[in-house]
């Protein structure tokens, strides 16, 4: 029975080590060509991979967003949001409550940047992507 436990523990440690190694080895890969017989994917050089902060549009408040939001969130989480001033205000207030280091003097600038670049979508902007349901007909 002891040997069964030792084998199980060894397998668990090996699986954990493999997961750590594979997560560290993962790197951005160039998209594959759709044609058959093409060369396999190649790894992009680090100089061609955009940093998460580079995905945020330039403008007043971008540095505040980098300093206050990207310490916990990816740029993608921010860029996929579409909120009005009230929505961004509530989000920033909640993040401050949870410990985000947003200075009170920077609050309005941050919300204005987020609203201007990631504000509400115009009505019907993504209706084609939504399935038709009784609630949106």
N, C-alpha and C. Protein backbone atom coordinates (compact mmCIF):
# COMPACT_ATOMS: atom_id res chain seq x y z
N UNK A 1 0.80 -1.18 0.00
CA UNK A 1 0.00 0.00 0.00
C UNK A 1 0.85 1.26 0.00
N UNK A 2 1.99 1.21 0.72
CA UNK A 2 2.86 2.38 0.76
C UNK A 2 3.38 2.72 -0.62
N UNK A 3 3.73 1.73 -1.40
CA UNK A 3 4.28 1.98 -2.73
C UNK A 3 3.23 2.61 -3.63
N UNK A 4 1.94 2.28 -3.45
CA UNK A 4 0.88 2.88 -4.25
C UNK A 4 0.76 4.37 -3.95
N UNK A 5 0.87 4.73 -2.68
CA UNK A 5 0.84 6.15 -2.32
C UNK A 5 2.05 6.89 -2.87
N UNK A 6 3.21 6.26 -2.82
CA UNK A 6 4.43 6.88 -3.33
C UNK A 6 4.32 7.10 -4.84
N UNK A 7 3.77 6.14 -5.55
CA UNK A 7 3.59 6.28 -7.00
C UNK A 7 2.59 7.39 -7.30
N UNK A 8 1.48 7.43 -6.56
CA UNK A 8 0.47 8.47 -6.78
C UNK A 8 1.05 9.86 -6.50
N UNK A 9 1.82 9.99 -5.44
CA UNK A 9 2.44 11.28 -5.12
C UNK A 9 3.44 11.66 -6.20
N UNK A 10 4.21 10.72 -6.69
CA UNK A 10 5.19 10.99 -7.75
C UNK A 10 4.50 11.45 -9.03
N UNK A 11 3.40 10.82 -9.38
CA UNK A 11 2.66 11.20 -10.58
C UNK A 11 2.07 12.61 -10.43
N UNK A 12 1.57 12.91 -9.24
CA UNK A 12 1.01 14.25 -9.01
C UNK A 12 2.09 15.31 -9.12
N UNK A 13 3.26 15.05 -8.57
CA UNK A 13 4.37 16.01 -8.65
C UNK A 13 4.84 16.17 -10.09
N UNK A 14 4.92 15.06 -10.83
CA UNK A 14 5.33 15.12 -12.23
C UNK A 14 4.32 15.92 -13.06
N UNK A 15 3.03 15.73 -12.82
CA UNK A 15 2.00 16.47 -13.55
C UNK A 15 2.09 17.96 -13.24
N UNK A 16 2.30 18.30 -11.98
CA UNK A 16 2.44 19.69 -11.59
C UNK A 16 3.67 20.32 -12.24
N UNK A 17 4.78 19.62 -12.23
CA UNK A 17 6.00 20.13 -12.86
C UNK A 17 5.80 20.33 -14.36
N UNK A 18 5.12 19.39 -15.01
CA UNK A 18 4.86 19.52 -16.45
C UNK A 18 3.98 20.73 -16.73
N UNK A 19 3.00 20.97 -15.87
CA UNK A 19 2.12 22.13 -16.07
C UNK A 19 2.89 23.43 -15.92
N UNK A 20 3.77 23.50 -14.94
CA UNK A 20 4.56 24.71 -14.74
C UNK A 20 5.49 24.95 -15.92
N UNK A 21 6.16 23.90 -16.37
CA UNK A 21 7.08 24.04 -17.50
C UNK A 21 6.34 24.46 -18.76
N UNK A 22 5.18 23.86 -19.01
CA UNK A 22 4.45 24.21 -20.24
C UNK A 22 3.89 25.62 -20.18
N UNK A 23 3.50 26.09 -18.99
CA UNK A 23 2.98 27.45 -18.89
C UNK A 23 4.09 28.48 -19.08
N UNK A 24 5.29 28.17 -18.65
CA UNK A 24 6.42 29.08 -18.85
C UNK A 24 6.92 29.03 -20.29
N UNK A 25 6.75 27.90 -20.94
CA UNK A 25 7.24 27.75 -22.30
C UNK A 25 6.29 28.35 -23.32
N UNK A 26 5.04 28.60 -22.94
CA UNK A 26 4.10 29.13 -23.92
C UNK A 26 4.50 30.54 -24.30
N UNK A 27 4.43 30.81 -25.59
CA UNK A 27 4.77 32.14 -26.09
C UNK A 27 3.89 32.43 -27.28
N UNK A 28 3.76 33.69 -27.67
CA UNK A 28 2.90 34.04 -28.80
C UNK A 28 3.34 33.31 -30.06
N UNK A 29 2.36 32.88 -30.81
CA UNK A 29 2.63 32.15 -32.04
C UNK A 29 1.96 32.87 -33.19
N UNK A 30 2.64 32.92 -34.32
CA UNK A 30 2.06 33.55 -35.50
C UNK A 30 0.89 32.72 -35.98
N UNK A 31 -0.15 33.35 -36.54
CA UNK A 31 -1.29 32.59 -37.03
C UNK A 31 -0.88 31.66 -38.17
N UNK A 32 -1.53 30.51 -38.23
CA UNK A 32 -1.24 29.55 -39.30
C UNK A 32 -1.90 29.98 -40.59
N UNK A 33 -1.26 29.65 -41.66
CA UNK A 33 -1.84 29.91 -42.96
C UNK A 33 -2.94 28.89 -43.19
N UNK A 34 -3.99 29.28 -43.90
CA UNK A 34 -5.11 28.36 -44.10
C UNK A 34 -4.84 27.36 -45.21
N UNK A 35 -3.81 27.57 -46.01
CA UNK A 35 -3.55 26.64 -47.10
C UNK A 35 -2.79 25.42 -46.60
N UNK A 36 -3.08 24.29 -47.21
CA UNK A 36 -2.40 23.06 -46.81
C UNK A 36 -0.97 23.07 -47.32
N UNK A 37 -0.13 22.37 -46.60
CA UNK A 37 1.25 22.26 -47.01
C UNK A 37 2.08 23.48 -46.63
N UNK A 38 1.51 24.38 -45.89
CA UNK A 38 2.28 25.56 -45.50
C UNK A 38 3.21 25.20 -44.36
N UNK A 39 4.15 26.06 -44.11
CA UNK A 39 5.10 25.80 -43.05
C UNK A 39 4.39 25.90 -41.70
N UNK A 40 4.91 25.22 -40.70
CA UNK A 40 4.26 25.26 -39.38
C UNK A 40 4.36 26.66 -38.78
N UNK A 41 3.56 26.88 -37.74
CA UNK A 41 3.57 28.18 -37.06
C UNK A 41 4.95 28.48 -36.53
N UNK A 42 5.25 29.76 -36.47
CA UNK A 42 6.54 30.16 -35.92
C UNK A 42 6.29 31.10 -34.76
N UNK A 43 7.22 31.15 -33.86
CA UNK A 43 7.10 32.01 -32.70
C UNK A 43 7.48 33.43 -33.12
N UNK A 44 6.65 34.40 -32.71
CA UNK A 44 6.95 35.79 -33.01
C UNK A 44 8.05 36.28 -32.09
N UNK A 45 8.95 37.11 -32.60
CA UNK A 45 9.97 37.69 -31.71
C UNK A 45 9.29 38.61 -30.69
N UNK A 46 9.86 38.68 -29.52
CA UNK A 46 9.27 39.48 -28.44
C UNK A 46 9.09 40.93 -28.85
N UNK A 47 9.93 41.43 -29.72
CA UNK A 47 9.82 42.83 -30.13
C UNK A 47 8.56 43.09 -30.96
N UNK A 48 7.94 42.06 -31.54
CA UNK A 48 6.75 42.23 -32.36
C UNK A 48 5.46 41.93 -31.61
N UNK A 49 5.56 41.51 -30.37
CA UNK A 49 4.38 41.20 -29.58
C UNK A 49 3.99 42.47 -28.81
N UNK A 50 2.77 42.98 -29.07
CA UNK A 50 2.38 44.21 -28.37
C UNK A 50 2.20 43.97 -26.88
N UNK A 51 2.65 44.92 -26.09
CA UNK A 51 2.45 44.81 -24.65
C UNK A 51 0.98 45.05 -24.35
N UNK A 52 0.49 44.54 -23.23
CA UNK A 52 -0.92 44.77 -22.90
C UNK A 52 -1.27 46.26 -22.84
N UNK A 53 -0.36 47.06 -22.31
CA UNK A 53 -0.63 48.49 -22.20
C UNK A 53 -0.71 49.16 -23.57
N UNK A 54 -0.04 48.60 -24.57
CA UNK A 54 -0.06 49.18 -25.91
C UNK A 54 -1.44 49.05 -26.54
N UNK A 55 -2.27 48.18 -26.03
CA UNK A 55 -3.61 47.99 -26.58
C UNK A 55 -4.58 49.08 -26.14
N UNK A 56 -4.16 49.90 -25.20
CA UNK A 56 -5.01 51.01 -24.76
C UNK A 56 -4.75 52.21 -25.67
N UNK A 57 -5.81 52.83 -26.18
CA UNK A 57 -5.62 53.98 -27.06
C UNK A 57 -4.98 55.16 -26.33
N UNK A 58 -4.23 55.94 -27.07
CA UNK A 58 -3.58 57.12 -26.50
C UNK A 58 -4.62 58.16 -26.13
N UNK A 59 -4.29 58.95 -25.15
CA UNK A 59 -5.17 60.04 -24.75
C UNK A 59 -4.99 60.36 -23.28
N UNK A 60 -5.53 61.51 -22.85
CA UNK A 60 -5.44 61.87 -21.44
C UNK A 60 -6.13 60.81 -20.58
N UNK A 61 -5.40 60.23 -19.66
CA UNK A 61 -5.94 59.20 -18.79
C UNK A 61 -5.38 57.82 -19.09
N UNK A 62 -4.66 57.69 -20.21
CA UNK A 62 -4.10 56.38 -20.54
C UNK A 62 -3.10 55.93 -19.47
N UNK A 63 -2.21 56.85 -19.05
CA UNK A 63 -1.22 56.48 -18.03
C UNK A 63 -1.90 56.14 -16.71
N UNK A 64 -2.95 56.87 -16.37
CA UNK A 64 -3.70 56.55 -15.15
C UNK A 64 -4.30 55.16 -15.24
N UNK A 65 -4.82 54.81 -16.41
CA UNK A 65 -5.40 53.49 -16.61
C UNK A 65 -4.34 52.42 -16.47
N UNK A 66 -3.17 52.66 -17.06
CA UNK A 66 -2.08 51.71 -16.92
C UNK A 66 -1.70 51.51 -15.46
N UNK A 67 -1.54 52.63 -14.74
CA UNK A 67 -1.06 52.58 -13.36
C UNK A 67 -2.09 51.99 -12.40
N UNK A 68 -3.36 52.25 -12.65
CA UNK A 68 -4.40 51.87 -11.68
C UNK A 68 -5.18 50.63 -12.05
N UNK A 69 -5.28 50.31 -13.31
CA UNK A 69 -6.12 49.18 -13.74
C UNK A 69 -5.29 47.95 -14.13
N UNK A 70 -4.18 48.19 -14.84
CA UNK A 70 -3.40 47.06 -15.34
C UNK A 70 -2.59 46.35 -14.27
N UNK A 71 -2.61 46.89 -13.05
CA UNK A 71 -1.92 46.18 -11.98
C UNK A 71 -2.68 44.91 -11.59
N UNK A 72 -3.98 44.89 -11.90
CA UNK A 72 -4.79 43.70 -11.59
C UNK A 72 -5.44 43.09 -12.82
N UNK A 73 -5.74 43.91 -13.83
CA UNK A 73 -6.51 43.44 -14.99
C UNK A 73 -5.69 43.51 -16.27
N UNK A 74 -6.07 42.69 -17.23
CA UNK A 74 -5.47 42.79 -18.56
C UNK A 74 -6.15 43.93 -19.31
N UNK A 75 -5.46 44.43 -20.32
CA UNK A 75 -6.05 45.49 -21.15
C UNK A 75 -7.30 44.97 -21.84
N UNK A 76 -7.31 43.68 -22.17
CA UNK A 76 -8.47 43.12 -22.86
C UNK A 76 -9.73 43.22 -22.01
N UNK A 77 -9.60 43.03 -20.71
CA UNK A 77 -10.77 43.15 -19.84
C UNK A 77 -11.34 44.56 -19.91
N UNK A 78 -10.48 45.53 -20.00
CA UNK A 78 -10.93 46.93 -20.08
C UNK A 78 -11.52 47.22 -21.45
N UNK A 79 -10.83 46.81 -22.51
CA UNK A 79 -11.27 47.16 -23.86
C UNK A 79 -12.55 46.47 -24.28
N UNK A 80 -12.91 45.37 -23.65
CA UNK A 80 -14.15 44.68 -24.03
C UNK A 80 -15.36 45.25 -23.32
N UNK A 81 -15.14 46.14 -22.36
CA UNK A 81 -16.24 46.77 -21.63
C UNK A 81 -16.79 47.93 -22.45
N UNK A 82 -18.06 48.18 -22.36
CA UNK A 82 -18.69 49.33 -23.01
C UNK A 82 -19.72 49.89 -22.03
N UNK A 83 -19.29 50.92 -21.28
CA UNK A 83 -20.14 51.48 -20.24
C UNK A 83 -20.24 52.99 -20.42
N UNK A 84 -21.32 53.56 -19.91
CA UNK A 84 -21.45 55.02 -19.90
C UNK A 84 -20.71 55.56 -18.68
N UNK A 85 -20.79 56.88 -18.48
CA UNK A 85 -20.09 57.52 -17.35
C UNK A 85 -20.50 56.92 -16.01
N UNK A 86 -21.79 56.67 -15.86
CA UNK A 86 -22.28 56.11 -14.60
C UNK A 86 -21.71 54.71 -14.37
N UNK A 87 -21.71 53.89 -15.43
CA UNK A 87 -21.18 52.54 -15.32
C UNK A 87 -19.70 52.52 -14.97
N UNK A 88 -18.91 53.36 -15.67
CA UNK A 88 -17.48 53.42 -15.37
C UNK A 88 -17.25 54.00 -13.97
N UNK A 89 -18.07 54.99 -13.57
CA UNK A 89 -17.94 55.56 -12.23
C UNK A 89 -18.17 54.51 -11.15
N UNK A 90 -19.20 53.69 -11.33
CA UNK A 90 -19.48 52.63 -10.37
C UNK A 90 -18.36 51.60 -10.34
N UNK A 91 -17.83 51.27 -11.53
CA UNK A 91 -16.75 50.29 -11.61
C UNK A 91 -15.50 50.81 -10.91
N UNK A 92 -15.12 52.05 -11.19
CA UNK A 92 -13.93 52.62 -10.57
C UNK A 92 -14.12 52.72 -9.05
N UNK A 93 -15.31 53.15 -8.61
CA UNK A 93 -15.58 53.24 -7.17
C UNK A 93 -15.46 51.86 -6.50
N UNK A 94 -15.97 50.83 -7.15
CA UNK A 94 -15.87 49.48 -6.61
C UNK A 94 -14.41 49.03 -6.54
N UNK A 95 -13.64 49.32 -7.59
CA UNK A 95 -12.23 48.94 -7.60
C UNK A 95 -11.47 49.69 -6.49
N UNK A 96 -11.83 50.96 -6.27
CA UNK A 96 -11.21 51.71 -5.17
C UNK A 96 -11.56 51.07 -3.83
N UNK A 97 -12.80 50.66 -3.68
CA UNK A 97 -13.24 50.00 -2.45
C UNK A 97 -12.45 48.72 -2.21
N UNK A 98 -12.10 48.03 -3.30
CA UNK A 98 -11.34 46.78 -3.20
C UNK A 98 -9.84 47.00 -3.16
N UNK A 99 -9.41 48.28 -3.16
CA UNK A 99 -7.99 48.54 -2.97
C UNK A 99 -7.24 49.14 -4.15
N UNK A 100 -7.91 49.47 -5.24
CA UNK A 100 -7.23 50.10 -6.37
C UNK A 100 -6.68 51.45 -5.92
N UNK A 101 -5.44 51.77 -6.30
CA UNK A 101 -4.80 52.99 -5.79
C UNK A 101 -5.16 54.26 -6.56
N UNK A 102 -6.41 54.43 -6.94
CA UNK A 102 -6.83 55.61 -7.70
C UNK A 102 -6.92 56.81 -6.75
N UNK A 103 -6.13 57.84 -7.03
CA UNK A 103 -6.19 59.06 -6.23
C UNK A 103 -7.51 59.77 -6.52
N UNK A 104 -8.13 60.37 -5.52
CA UNK A 104 -9.39 61.10 -5.75
C UNK A 104 -9.25 62.17 -6.83
N UNK A 105 -8.07 62.79 -6.92
CA UNK A 105 -7.86 63.84 -7.93
C UNK A 105 -7.81 63.26 -9.34
N UNK A 106 -7.56 61.97 -9.48
CA UNK A 106 -7.46 61.34 -10.80
C UNK A 106 -8.76 60.65 -11.20
N UNK A 107 -9.71 60.57 -10.30
CA UNK A 107 -10.95 59.82 -10.52
C UNK A 107 -11.68 60.28 -11.79
N UNK A 108 -11.93 61.58 -11.93
CA UNK A 108 -12.68 62.09 -13.08
C UNK A 108 -11.93 61.89 -14.39
N UNK A 109 -10.62 62.09 -14.38
CA UNK A 109 -9.81 61.90 -15.60
C UNK A 109 -9.87 60.45 -16.05
N UNK A 110 -9.77 59.53 -15.11
CA UNK A 110 -9.81 58.10 -15.43
C UNK A 110 -11.17 57.72 -16.01
N UNK A 111 -12.24 58.17 -15.39
CA UNK A 111 -13.58 57.84 -15.87
C UNK A 111 -13.83 58.46 -17.25
N UNK A 112 -13.36 59.68 -17.47
CA UNK A 112 -13.53 60.33 -18.77
C UNK A 112 -12.78 59.55 -19.85
N UNK A 113 -11.56 59.11 -19.56
CA UNK A 113 -10.80 58.31 -20.53
C UNK A 113 -11.54 57.01 -20.85
N UNK A 114 -11.98 56.32 -19.82
CA UNK A 114 -12.67 55.04 -20.04
C UNK A 114 -13.96 55.25 -20.82
N UNK A 115 -14.73 56.28 -20.50
CA UNK A 115 -15.98 56.57 -21.21
C UNK A 115 -15.70 56.93 -22.67
N UNK A 116 -14.70 57.79 -22.90
CA UNK A 116 -14.41 58.24 -24.27
C UNK A 116 -13.94 57.10 -25.17
N UNK A 117 -13.18 56.19 -24.62
CA UNK A 117 -12.61 55.11 -25.44
C UNK A 117 -13.39 53.80 -25.37
N UNK A 118 -14.09 53.58 -24.28
CA UNK A 118 -14.82 52.32 -24.09
C UNK A 118 -16.22 52.60 -23.57
N UNK A 119 -16.85 53.61 -24.15
CA UNK A 119 -18.19 54.00 -23.75
C UNK A 119 -19.25 53.08 -24.31
N UNK A 120 -20.49 53.44 -24.05
CA UNK A 120 -21.61 52.63 -24.52
C UNK A 120 -21.60 52.52 -26.03
N UNK A 121 -21.98 51.37 -26.50
CA UNK A 121 -22.12 51.17 -27.95
C UNK A 121 -23.41 51.83 -28.40
N UNK A 122 -23.43 52.33 -29.64
CA UNK A 122 -24.68 52.90 -30.14
C UNK A 122 -25.76 51.81 -30.21
N UNK A 123 -27.03 52.18 -30.06
CA UNK A 123 -28.09 51.17 -30.14
C UNK A 123 -28.01 50.39 -31.45
N UNK A 124 -28.11 49.08 -31.35
CA UNK A 124 -28.08 48.23 -32.54
C UNK A 124 -26.69 47.91 -33.04
N UNK A 125 -25.62 48.34 -32.34
CA UNK A 125 -24.26 48.14 -32.82
C UNK A 125 -23.89 46.66 -32.90
N UNK A 126 -24.42 45.86 -32.02
CA UNK A 126 -24.09 44.44 -32.08
C UNK A 126 -25.33 43.57 -32.13
N UNK A 127 -26.44 44.09 -32.68
CA UNK A 127 -27.66 43.30 -32.80
C UNK A 127 -27.49 42.10 -33.71
N UNK A 128 -26.64 42.23 -34.74
CA UNK A 128 -26.45 41.13 -35.68
C UNK A 128 -25.79 39.94 -34.99
N UNK A 129 -24.97 40.21 -33.96
CA UNK A 129 -24.27 39.13 -33.28
C UNK A 129 -25.15 38.44 -32.24
N UNK A 130 -26.23 39.10 -31.82
CA UNK A 130 -27.11 38.52 -30.80
C UNK A 130 -28.18 37.67 -31.45
N UNK A 131 -28.45 36.50 -30.87
CA UNK A 131 -29.56 35.70 -31.40
C UNK A 131 -30.89 36.39 -31.09
N UNK A 132 -31.85 36.19 -31.94
CA UNK A 132 -33.15 36.80 -31.74
C UNK A 132 -33.90 36.07 -30.63
N UNK A 133 -34.32 36.82 -29.63
CA UNK A 133 -35.10 36.27 -28.54
C UNK A 133 -36.32 37.17 -28.34
N UNK A 134 -37.33 36.70 -27.64
CA UNK A 134 -38.50 37.55 -27.42
C UNK A 134 -38.16 38.89 -26.75
N UNK A 135 -37.11 38.91 -25.92
CA UNK A 135 -36.77 40.15 -25.21
C UNK A 135 -36.09 41.20 -26.09
N UNK A 136 -35.50 40.79 -27.23
CA UNK A 136 -34.83 41.80 -28.06
C UNK A 136 -35.43 41.90 -29.46
N UNK A 137 -36.65 41.42 -29.64
CA UNK A 137 -37.33 41.55 -30.94
C UNK A 137 -38.03 42.85 -31.05
